């Protein structure tokens, strides 16, 4: 796997990607089983219809990435940096995550199921329809329209994010 490479309909098992520059990589209809991604740079990566399972890494750095119809399961990550990412139909299941950074990310149907999350950051998330809109604070009484679902089943609650108008 190389930066800006395009990989389709492939399965990678126990692939060591430690320290690699994978910026701009495109994975479509792929399966990554037990990849080693410590200190790898996945800036602006595009994953579509992809499964990632049994990954262990101190940090998965993937800002400005696009994840569409991606399933991430049975992983242990110290930090998942997806700031300014575009997330659509993403499921993260049965995983242990230290810090999840979704700051300035756009999202639609993002589900955390059966996960242990130490810290979740998603301030200033944007609606896909209106990039300049931000998520109101918990104390906000705005009558905004819901446009994105961020779901955390780990804590037993399900909520839709509403966007300030």
Protein backbone atom coordinates (compact mmCIF):
# COMPACT_ATOMS: atom_id res chain seq x y z
CA UNK A 1 0.00 0.00 0.00
CA UNK A 2 1.28 3.42 -0.98
CA UNK A 3 0.23 7.05 -0.60
CA UNK A 4 -2.36 8.10 -3.20
CA UNK A 5 -2.72 4.47 -4.33
CA UNK A 6 -6.07 3.00 -5.33
CA UNK A 7 -6.90 -0.46 -3.98
CA UNK A 8 -10.14 -2.24 -4.80
CA UNK A 9 -11.79 -5.51 -3.84
CA UNK A 10 -8.81 -6.78 -1.83
CA UNK A 11 -8.22 -8.45 1.52
CA UNK A 12 -5.18 -7.59 3.62
CA UNK A 13 -4.35 -9.68 6.68
CA UNK A 14 -1.63 -8.84 9.25
CA UNK A 15 -0.29 -6.11 6.96
CA UNK A 16 2.40 -4.00 8.64
CA UNK A 17 1.83 -0.35 7.72
CA UNK A 18 3.88 1.06 10.60
CA UNK A 19 5.15 4.57 9.92
CA UNK A 20 3.96 4.61 6.31
CA UNK A 21 2.73 7.69 4.48
CA UNK A 22 -0.68 6.57 3.24
CA UNK A 23 -2.03 10.07 2.59
CA UNK A 24 -4.71 10.14 -0.08
CA UNK A 25 -5.02 6.35 -0.29
CA UNK A 26 -8.30 4.99 -1.67
CA UNK A 27 -9.68 1.65 -0.44
CA UNK A 28 -12.89 0.43 -2.04
CA UNK A 29 -14.60 -2.85 -1.13
CA UNK A 30 -11.57 -3.93 0.91
CA UNK A 31 -11.07 -5.85 4.12
CA UNK A 32 -8.24 -5.05 6.53
CA UNK A 33 -7.82 -7.78 9.14
CA UNK A 34 -5.41 -7.17 12.03
CA UNK A 35 -3.47 -4.38 10.29
CA UNK A 36 -0.55 -2.76 12.11
CA UNK A 37 -0.85 1.01 11.60
CA UNK A 38 1.25 2.61 14.34
CA UNK A 39 2.43 6.12 13.34
CA UNK A 40 0.89 5.84 9.86
CA UNK A 41 -0.47 8.95 8.14
CA UNK A 42 -3.87 8.45 6.47
CA UNK A 43 -4.59 12.13 5.84
CA UNK A 44 -7.30 12.53 3.18
CA UNK A 45 -7.73 8.76 2.83
CA UNK A 46 -10.96 7.51 1.20
CA UNK A 47 -12.50 4.26 2.43
CA UNK A 48 -15.69 2.98 0.83
CA UNK A 49 -17.53 -0.27 1.53
CA UNK A 50 -14.59 -1.38 3.67
CA UNK A 51 -14.20 -3.52 6.79
CA UNK A 52 -11.43 -2.90 9.34
CA UNK A 53 -11.16 -5.44 12.16
CA UNK A 54 -8.79 -6.41 14.99
CA UNK A 55 -6.57 -3.36 14.48
CA UNK A 56 -4.41 -2.28 17.41
CA UNK A 57 -2.61 1.03 17.33
CA UNK A 58 -1.65 3.81 19.72
CA UNK A 59 -2.97 6.35 17.21
CA UNK A 60 -4.88 6.22 13.93
CA UNK A 61 -4.29 9.60 12.25
CA UNK A 62 -6.76 10.17 9.42
CA UNK A 63 -7.83 13.83 9.27
CA UNK A 64 -9.87 15.09 6.31
CA UNK A 65 -10.64 11.50 5.34
CA UNK A 66 -13.84 10.15 3.85
CA UNK A 67 -15.41 6.99 5.26
CA UNK A 68 -18.55 5.79 3.48
CA UNK A 69 -20.24 2.52 4.42
CA UNK A 70 -17.29 1.48 6.61
CA UNK A 71 -17.42 -1.05 9.44
CA UNK A 72 -14.73 -0.90 12.10
CA UNK A 73 -14.89 -3.66 14.71
CA UNK A 74 -12.93 -5.42 17.44
CA UNK A 75 -10.22 -2.73 17.52
CA UNK A 76 -8.08 -1.20 20.25
CA UNK A 77 -7.00 2.34 19.47
CA UNK A 78 -5.40 4.84 21.80
CA UNK A 79 -6.59 7.74 19.66
CA UNK A 80 -8.73 7.94 16.54
CA UNK A 81 -8.13 11.30 14.84
CA UNK A 82 -10.85 11.91 12.26
CA UNK A 83 -11.08 15.67 12.52
CA UNK A 84 -12.60 17.41 9.49
CA UNK A 85 -13.59 13.99 8.10
CA UNK A 86 -16.67 13.07 6.07
CA UNK A 87 -18.38 10.07 7.70
CA UNK A 88 -21.42 8.37 6.17
CA UNK A 89 -22.92 5.09 7.34
CA UNK A 90 -19.97 4.29 9.61
CA UNK A 91 -20.26 1.66 12.33
CA UNK A 92 -17.63 1.29 15.03
CA UNK A 93 -18.42 -1.82 17.08
CA UNK A 94 -16.99 -3.82 19.96
CA UNK A 95 -13.90 -1.62 20.18
CA UNK A 96 -11.84 0.06 22.89
CA UNK A 97 -11.07 3.66 21.96
CA UNK A 98 -9.14 6.13 24.08
CA UNK A 99 -9.71 9.48 22.37
CA UNK A 100 -12.03 9.88 19.39
CA UNK A 101 -11.54 13.26 17.71
CA UNK A 102 -14.41 14.18 15.36
CA UNK A 103 -13.87 17.93 15.60
CA UNK A 104 -15.23 19.71 12.49
CA UNK A 105 -16.30 16.36 10.97
CA UNK A 106 -19.45 15.93 8.93
CA UNK A 107 -21.44 12.83 9.61
CA UNK A 108 -24.53 10.93 8.69
CA UNK A 109 -25.52 7.67 10.43
CA UNK A 110 -22.43 7.18 12.57
CA UNK A 111 -22.91 4.41 15.14
CA UNK A 112 -20.74 3.44 18.12
CA UNK A 113 -22.01 0.04 19.33
CA UNK A 114 -20.59 -1.98 22.21
CA UNK A 115 -17.58 0.35 22.46
CA UNK A 116 -15.62 1.69 25.39
CA UNK A 117 -14.84 5.36 24.75
CA UNK A 118 -12.60 7.32 27.10
CA UNK A 119 -13.14 10.69 25.40
CA UNK A 120 -15.23 11.85 22.44
CA UNK A 121 -14.63 15.26 20.84
CA UNK A 122 -17.06 16.52 18.22
CA UNK A 123 -17.38 20.27 18.70
CA UNK A 124 -18.05 22.38 15.63
CA UNK A 125 -19.30 19.41 13.64
CA UNK A 126 -20.86 20.46 10.35
CA UNK A 127 -24.02 19.51 8.58
CA UNK A 128 -23.31 18.02 5.13
CA UNK A 129 -25.93 20.38 3.66
CA UNK A 130 -24.58 23.54 5.30
CA UNK A 131 -20.84 23.55 6.02
CA UNK A 132 -21.01 26.79 8.00
CA UNK A 133 -23.44 25.49 10.61
CA UNK A 134 -22.27 24.14 13.95
CA UNK A 135 -23.68 21.83 16.58
CA UNK A 136 -25.33 23.82 19.39
CA UNK A 137 -24.19 23.37 22.97
CA UNK A 138 -26.14 21.10 25.29
CA UNK A 139 -27.73 24.15 26.91
CA UNK A 140 -28.88 25.62 23.59
CA UNK A 141 -32.62 26.03 23.06
CA UNK A 142 -32.38 26.43 19.30
CA UNK A 143 -35.23 25.13 17.16
CA UNK A 144 -32.82 23.81 14.55
CA UNK A 145 -33.64 21.02 12.17
CA UNK A 146 -31.98 17.62 12.68
CA UNK A 147 -29.79 16.59 9.78
CA UNK A 148 -27.26 14.11 11.12
CA UNK A 149 -27.38 11.13 13.45
CA UNK A 150 -24.46 10.58 15.81
CA UNK A 151 -25.36 7.54 17.85
CA UNK A 152 -23.55 6.27 20.93
CA UNK A 153 -24.98 2.96 21.99
CA UNK A 154 -22.03 2.40 24.36
CA UNK A 155 -23.61 4.60 27.02
CA UNK A 156 -27.14 3.40 26.32
CA UNK A 157 -28.30 6.63 24.71
CA UNK A 158 -29.21 7.47 21.16
CA UNK A 159 -29.43 11.07 19.98
CA UNK A 160 -29.49 12.96 16.75
CA UNK A 161 -27.32 16.02 16.44
CA UNK A 162 -29.19 19.20 15.60
CA UNK A 163 -27.63 22.03 13.70
CA UNK A 164 -27.81 25.66 14.74
CA UNK A 165 -29.70 27.79 12.28
